[in-house]
Amino acid sequence: MPELPEVETVRRGLADRLIDFQIDQVEVCRERAIASPGGSALFIKMLCGMHVGSWLRRGKYLMASLHHDFAQPSADSEPDPDGGWWGVHLRMTGQFQWHEAISSPCPHTRVRIWNKKDEELRFVDTRSFGQMWWVPPGNAPETIITGLQKLGPEPFSSAFNSSYLSKRLKGSKRPIKSALLDQSIVAGAGNIYTDESLFAARILPHTPSGQLKKVELERLCDCLTEVLRVSIGAGGTTFSDFRDLEGMNGNYGGQAWVYRRGGQACRICSTPIRRESLCGRGTHWCPNCQR
């Protein structure tokens, strides 16, 4: 599943490409792609004619404000979304494609959106787990996109710090790798970047969460945000089905310290990287650097 850096890369691409984008037509090719009440019929009706405003990210969710008239977002704020919100979750294989010229959709196309110039934003999803929502104006997105209610703080927010983790993990016996994958503890982290951040923090993935000292939690917070920052700068990872709006995958994979490097020499100490299943997820670490 795309993680925070990949979703943030998609958000930036959508924000750049859809400036003054007015939705003229919508086609839903697979009904299950629409998760909001009213299904595809209401989704199509309420999106048509709307101008797309700012794109926001919360964890692995994307949300665009909708407006009856074009509203150029400012650095500080933008007008209230009088057309509601358009929510998206890519899930495992969802991706947006931009088509300036008319072209035939592939069999995995789920939603197609055009402007009056016949430019098309196409949502393609091989596994068909991706979802979209329309949130009525005056409603907070989390009232319709209920998964938002369960998310913990963003890694880059002031709420995510060692004191917060200390309180949340106090007495916990589950491995720190499992805790970081829990979206109710920290939003957006996934398998790739938990492995990478634990390596950077020199913490063994199997370590019981409640046993970590304050200094280790401080280091972990710093390392997680830095690993995510570097990956965002690289446009996400090369591992997975992820593609950005222009059809490119990211460059972070070539920089990975441990992820998918099982059996290869550690870039720090040359010890072979270990890989095994932990909490049902493939987990990578250096047995020398992470003790």
Protein backbone atom coordinates (compact mmCIF):
# COMPACT_ATOMS: atom_id res chain seq x y z
CA MET A 1 0.00 0.00 0.00
CA PRO A 2 1.30 3.50 -0.77
CA GLU A 3 2.53 5.16 2.41
CA LEU A 4 2.69 8.80 3.47
CA PRO A 5 5.47 9.87 1.02
CA GLU A 6 3.71 8.30 -1.97
CA VAL A 7 0.34 9.81 -1.03
CA GLU A 8 1.96 13.20 -0.45
CA THR A 9 3.61 12.95 -3.87
CA VAL A 10 0.20 12.29 -5.44
CA ARG A 11 -1.30 15.21 -3.49
CA ARG A 12 1.32 17.60 -4.81
CA GLY A 13 0.80 16.35 -8.35
CA LEU A 14 -2.96 16.83 -8.13
CA ALA A 15 -2.57 20.28 -6.60
CA ASP A 16 -0.24 21.35 -9.42
CA ARG A 17 -2.23 19.81 -12.26
CA LEU A 18 -5.79 20.68 -11.22
CA ILE A 19 -5.48 24.44 -10.78
CA ASP A 20 -8.80 25.97 -11.92
CA PHE A 21 -10.07 22.51 -12.87
CA GLN A 22 -13.85 22.54 -13.28
CA ILE A 23 -15.45 19.12 -13.38
CA ASP A 24 -17.63 18.79 -16.47
CA GLN A 25 -18.29 15.05 -16.65
CA VAL A 26 -17.84 12.08 -14.32
CA GLU A 27 -18.06 8.40 -15.21
CA VAL A 28 -17.93 5.71 -12.54
CA CYS A 29 -16.82 2.45 -14.14
CA ARG A 30 -17.05 0.37 -10.97
CA GLU A 31 -19.72 1.06 -8.38
CA ARG A 32 -17.71 -0.18 -5.40
CA ALA A 33 -15.17 2.61 -6.00
CA ILE A 34 -17.67 5.05 -4.46
CA ALA A 35 -18.02 4.59 -0.71
CA SER A 36 -20.12 7.63 0.26
CA PRO A 37 -23.90 7.49 0.88
CA GLY A 38 -25.91 7.72 -2.31
CA GLY A 39 -23.35 5.75 -4.30
CA SER A 40 -22.17 6.71 -7.76
CA ALA A 41 -25.38 8.51 -8.78
CA LEU A 42 -25.09 11.14 -6.02
CA PHE A 43 -21.30 11.30 -6.38
CA ILE A 44 -21.59 12.13 -10.08
CA LYS A 45 -24.41 14.61 -9.57
CA MET A 46 -22.65 16.56 -6.84
CA LEU A 47 -19.19 16.68 -8.44
CA CYS A 48 -20.32 17.84 -11.88
CA GLY A 49 -19.90 21.60 -12.25
CA MET A 50 -17.65 21.94 -9.20
CA HIS A 51 -14.29 23.71 -9.21
CA VAL A 52 -11.53 21.76 -7.47
CA GLY A 53 -9.75 23.78 -4.77
CA SER A 54 -6.98 22.78 -2.38
CA TRP A 55 -5.81 19.19 -1.97
CA LEU A 56 -5.13 18.08 1.60
CA ARG A 57 -3.61 14.89 2.97
CA ARG A 58 -4.47 13.21 6.26
CA GLY A 59 -2.51 10.02 6.82
CA LYS A 60 -3.03 8.08 3.59
CA TYR A 61 -6.27 9.89 2.71
CA LEU A 62 -6.56 12.68 0.14
CA MET A 63 -9.27 15.36 0.22
CA ALA A 64 -10.05 18.15 -2.23
CA SER A 65 -12.27 21.12 -1.41
CA LEU A 66 -15.06 21.73 -3.93
CA HIS A 67 -16.42 25.15 -4.90
CA HIS A 68 -19.25 26.45 -7.06
CA ASP A 69 -16.95 29.20 -8.32
CA PHE A 70 -13.21 29.16 -8.87
CA ALA A 71 -11.38 30.17 -5.71
CA GLN A 72 -7.62 30.62 -5.94
CA PRO A 73 -6.17 29.22 -2.68
CA SER A 74 -3.95 31.64 -0.77
CA ALA A 75 -1.00 30.80 1.43
CA ASP A 76 -3.17 31.28 4.52
CA SER A 77 -6.63 30.05 3.61
CA GLU A 78 -9.26 29.62 0.96
CA PRO A 79 -13.04 30.12 0.94
CA ASP A 80 -15.21 27.50 2.64
CA PRO A 81 -15.85 24.48 0.40
CA ASP A 82 -19.44 25.35 -0.53
CA GLY A 83 -19.51 22.30 -2.79
CA GLY A 84 -18.32 19.93 -0.07
CA TRP A 85 -15.28 17.67 -0.17
CA TRP A 86 -14.01 14.99 -2.53
CA GLY A 87 -12.20 12.26 -0.63
CA VAL A 88 -9.88 9.56 -1.98
CA HIS A 89 -7.98 6.58 -0.59
CA LEU A 90 -5.63 4.82 -3.00
CA ARG A 91 -5.51 1.62 -0.91
CA MET A 92 -3.10 -0.92 -2.44
CA THR A 93 -2.93 -0.19 -6.16
CA GLY A 94 -5.00 2.94 -6.84
CA GLN A 95 -3.36 5.61 -9.00
CA PHE A 96 -4.37 8.75 -10.86
CA GLN A 97 -3.48 9.30 -14.49
CA TRP A 98 -3.62 12.55 -16.43
CA HIS A 99 -4.73 12.38 -20.08
CA GLU A 100 -4.66 15.56 -22.16
CA ALA A 101 -5.87 13.76 -25.27
CA ILE A 102 -8.79 11.36 -25.68
CA SER A 103 -7.67 7.75 -25.13
CA SER A 104 -9.30 4.42 -24.43
CA PRO A 105 -9.39 3.38 -20.76
CA CYS A 106 -7.67 0.23 -19.58
CA PRO A 107 -9.76 -2.60 -18.02
CA HIS A 108 -8.79 -1.47 -14.51
CA THR A 109 -10.19 2.06 -14.88
CA ARG A 110 -12.62 2.80 -12.03
CA VAL A 111 -13.47 6.53 -12.26
CA ARG A 112 -13.05 9.06 -15.09
CA ILE A 113 -13.33 12.84 -14.61
CA TRP A 114 -13.18 15.44 -17.42
CA ASN A 115 -13.08 19.20 -17.63
CA LYS A 116 -14.57 21.21 -20.50
CA LYS A 117 -11.33 20.91 -22.48
CA ASP A 118 -11.78 17.12 -22.54
CA GLU A 119 -8.71 16.73 -20.35
CA GLU A 120 -9.22 13.66 -18.20
CA LEU A 121 -8.23 12.67 -14.68
CA ARG A 122 -8.48 8.90 -14.61
CA PHE A 123 -8.46 6.66 -11.52
CA VAL A 124 -7.03 3.22 -12.24
CA ASP A 125 -6.99 0.49 -9.61
CA THR A 126 -5.89 -3.08 -10.39
CA ARG A 127 -6.99 -4.57 -7.06
CA SER A 128 -10.15 -2.44 -6.82
CA PHE A 129 -9.76 -1.56 -3.14
CA GLY A 130 -9.44 2.20 -3.69
CA GLN A 131 -12.37 4.36 -2.63
CA MET A 132 -13.84 7.82 -3.20
CA TRP A 133 -16.33 9.87 -1.21
CA TRP A 134 -18.41 13.00 -1.63
CA VAL A 135 -18.81 14.90 1.64
CA PRO A 136 -21.76 17.37 1.69
CA PRO A 137 -20.97 21.05 2.44
CA GLY A 138 -21.17 21.93 6.11
CA ASN A 139 -19.99 18.46 7.14
CA ALA A 140 -16.53 17.65 8.44
CA PRO A 141 -14.84 15.07 6.17
CA GLU A 142 -14.56 12.58 9.04
CA THR A 143 -18.34 12.36 9.37
CA ILE A 144 -18.50 10.60 5.99
CA ILE A 145 -14.94 9.28 5.63
CA THR A 146 -15.09 7.51 8.98
CA GLY A 147 -11.57 6.09 8.78
CA LEU A 148 -10.29 9.60 9.48
CA GLN A 149 -11.71 9.37 13.00
CA LYS A 150 -9.26 6.61 13.92
CA LEU A 151 -6.04 8.31 12.84
CA GLY A 152 -3.32 9.34 15.22
CA PRO A 153 -1.25 12.52 14.80
CA GLU A 154 0.69 13.32 11.64
CA PRO A 155 4.42 12.53 11.97
CA PHE A 156 5.31 16.14 11.08
CA SER A 157 2.89 17.66 13.59
CA SER A 158 3.84 19.04 16.99
CA ALA A 159 1.52 16.46 18.58
CA PHE A 160 3.84 13.65 17.50
CA ASN A 161 6.75 13.63 19.93
CA SER A 162 8.49 11.42 22.47
CA SER A 163 6.15 12.41 25.29
CA TYR A 164 3.13 11.42 23.24
CA LEU A 165 4.70 8.07 22.27
CA SER A 166 5.72 7.41 25.86
CA LYS A 167 2.11 7.78 27.01
CA ARG A 168 0.65 5.74 24.16
CA LEU A 169 3.17 2.90 24.46
CA LYS A 170 3.40 2.72 28.25
CA GLY A 171 3.24 -0.89 29.39
CA SER A 172 2.79 -2.23 25.87
CA LYS A 173 4.43 -5.54 25.05
CA ARG A 174 3.82 -5.50 21.32
CA PRO A 175 6.85 -4.96 19.07
CA ILE A 176 7.65 -1.36 18.22
CA LYS A 177 7.36 -2.28 14.52
CA SER A 178 3.72 -3.25 15.09
CA ALA A 179 3.03 -0.07 17.07
CA LEU A 180 4.36 2.16 14.30
CA LEU A 181 2.14 0.41 11.75
CA ASP A 182 -0.91 1.20 13.89
CA GLN A 183 -2.54 4.20 12.19
CA SER A 184 -4.21 5.20 15.45
CA ILE A 185 -0.76 5.84 16.94
CA VAL A 186 0.83 7.65 14.01
CA ALA A 187 -0.87 8.38 10.70
CA GLY A 188 0.71 7.47 7.38
CA ALA A 189 3.64 5.22 8.33
CA GLY A 190 3.77 1.80 6.69
CA ASN A 191 6.01 -1.20 6.27
CA ILE A 192 8.77 0.42 4.21
CA TYR A 193 9.36 3.50 6.34
CA THR A 194 8.97 1.79 9.71
CA ASP A 195 11.82 -0.56 8.77
CA GLU A 196 13.90 2.37 7.54
CA SER A 197 13.23 4.61 10.54
CA LEU A 198 13.91 1.83 13.07
CA PHE A 199 17.25 1.20 11.38
CA ALA A 200 18.08 4.90 11.47
CA ALA A 201 17.16 5.00 15.17
CA ARG A 202 19.20 1.82 15.86
CA ILE A 203 16.17 0.10 17.43
CA LEU A 204 15.42 -3.60 16.95
CA PRO A 205 11.93 -4.02 15.41
CA HIS A 206 11.08 -6.76 17.91
CA THR A 207 11.64 -4.52 20.96
CA PRO A 208 8.55 -4.37 23.21
CA SER A 209 7.16 -0.86 22.76
CA GLY A 210 6.78 -0.15 26.46
CA GLN A 211 10.46 -0.86 27.14
CA LEU A 212 11.81 1.98 25.02
CA LYS A 213 13.47 4.77 26.97
CA LYS A 214 12.67 8.45 26.45
CA VAL A 215 15.93 9.06 24.60
CA GLU A 216 15.17 6.17 22.23
CA LEU A 217 11.68 7.53 21.56
CA GLU A 218 13.13 10.97 20.86
CA ARG A 219 15.55 9.44 18.39
CA LEU A 220 12.76 7.39 16.79
CA CYS A 221 10.54 10.46 16.30
CA ASP A 222 13.40 12.36 14.70
CA CYS A 223 14.37 9.45 12.45
CA LEU A 224 10.83 8.72 11.29
CA THR A 225 10.21 12.32 10.25
CA GLU A 226 13.61 12.54 8.54
CA VAL A 227 13.12 9.28 6.61
CA LEU A 228 9.68 10.45 5.48
CA ARG A 229 11.05 13.86 4.51
CA VAL A 230 13.82 12.31 2.40
CA SER A 231 11.38 9.95 0.68
CA ILE A 232 8.95 12.76 -0.12
CA GLY A 233 11.85 14.60 -1.71
CA ALA A 234 12.59 11.49 -3.77
CA GLY A 235 8.98 11.25 -4.92
CA GLY A 236 8.22 8.11 -2.91
CA THR A 237 9.59 4.63 -3.39
CA THR A 238 10.31 2.41 -6.38
CA PHE A 239 8.95 -0.61 -4.49
CA SER A 240 5.23 -1.32 -5.17
CA ASP A 241 2.67 -0.46 -7.81
CA PHE A 242 2.88 3.23 -6.95
CA ARG A 243 2.90 5.76 -9.81
CA ASP A 244 2.54 9.51 -9.64
CA LEU A 245 0.21 11.55 -11.84
CA GLU A 246 2.67 11.44 -14.74
CA GLY A 247 3.11 7.66 -14.51
CA MET A 248 6.49 7.73 -12.75
CA ASN A 249 7.43 5.83 -9.60
CA GLY A 250 9.69 7.23 -6.91
CA ASN A 251 13.44 7.13 -6.39
CA TYR A 252 13.69 6.27 -2.69
CA GLY A 253 14.12 2.52 -3.24
CA GLY A 254 17.70 2.92 -4.37
CA GLN A 255 18.49 4.74 -1.11
CA ALA A 256 16.92 2.17 1.22
CA TRP A 257 19.11 1.08 4.11
CA VAL A 258 17.40 -2.22 4.96
CA TYR A 259 14.02 -2.57 3.24
CA ARG A 260 14.12 -5.37 0.63
CA ARG A 261 17.83 -5.82 1.23
CA GLY A 262 17.61 -9.16 3.04
CA GLY A 263 20.92 -11.04 2.80
CA GLN A 264 22.80 -8.02 1.45
CA ALA A 265 25.56 -6.27 3.37
CA CYS A 266 24.55 -3.49 5.74
CA ARG A 267 25.62 -0.15 4.31
CA ILE A 268 27.08 0.79 7.72
CA CYS A 269 28.78 -2.33 9.10
CA SER A 270 28.62 -4.92 6.26
CA THR A 271 26.66 -7.41 8.40
CA PRO A 272 24.07 -9.28 6.29
CA ILE A 273 20.61 -7.73 6.61
CA ARG A 274 18.07 -10.05 8.23
CA ARG A 275 14.53 -10.54 7.01
CA GLU A 276 11.65 -12.37 8.65
CA SER A 277 7.93 -12.01 9.16
CA LEU A 278 6.95 -9.93 12.18
CA CYS A 279 3.29 -9.25 12.93
CA GLY A 280 2.48 -10.67 9.51
CA ARG A 281 4.73 -8.19 7.69
CA GLY A 282 8.10 -8.72 6.07
CA THR A 283 10.60 -6.99 8.35
CA HIS A 284 14.22 -6.04 7.67
CA TRP A 285 16.95 -5.06 10.11
CA CYS A 286 20.68 -5.19 10.76
CA PRO A 287 21.47 -7.53 13.72
CA ASN A 288 24.63 -5.55 14.48
CA CYS A 289 23.41 -1.94 14.19
CA GLN A 290 20.03 -2.65 15.79
CA ARG A 291 20.57 -4.48 19.07
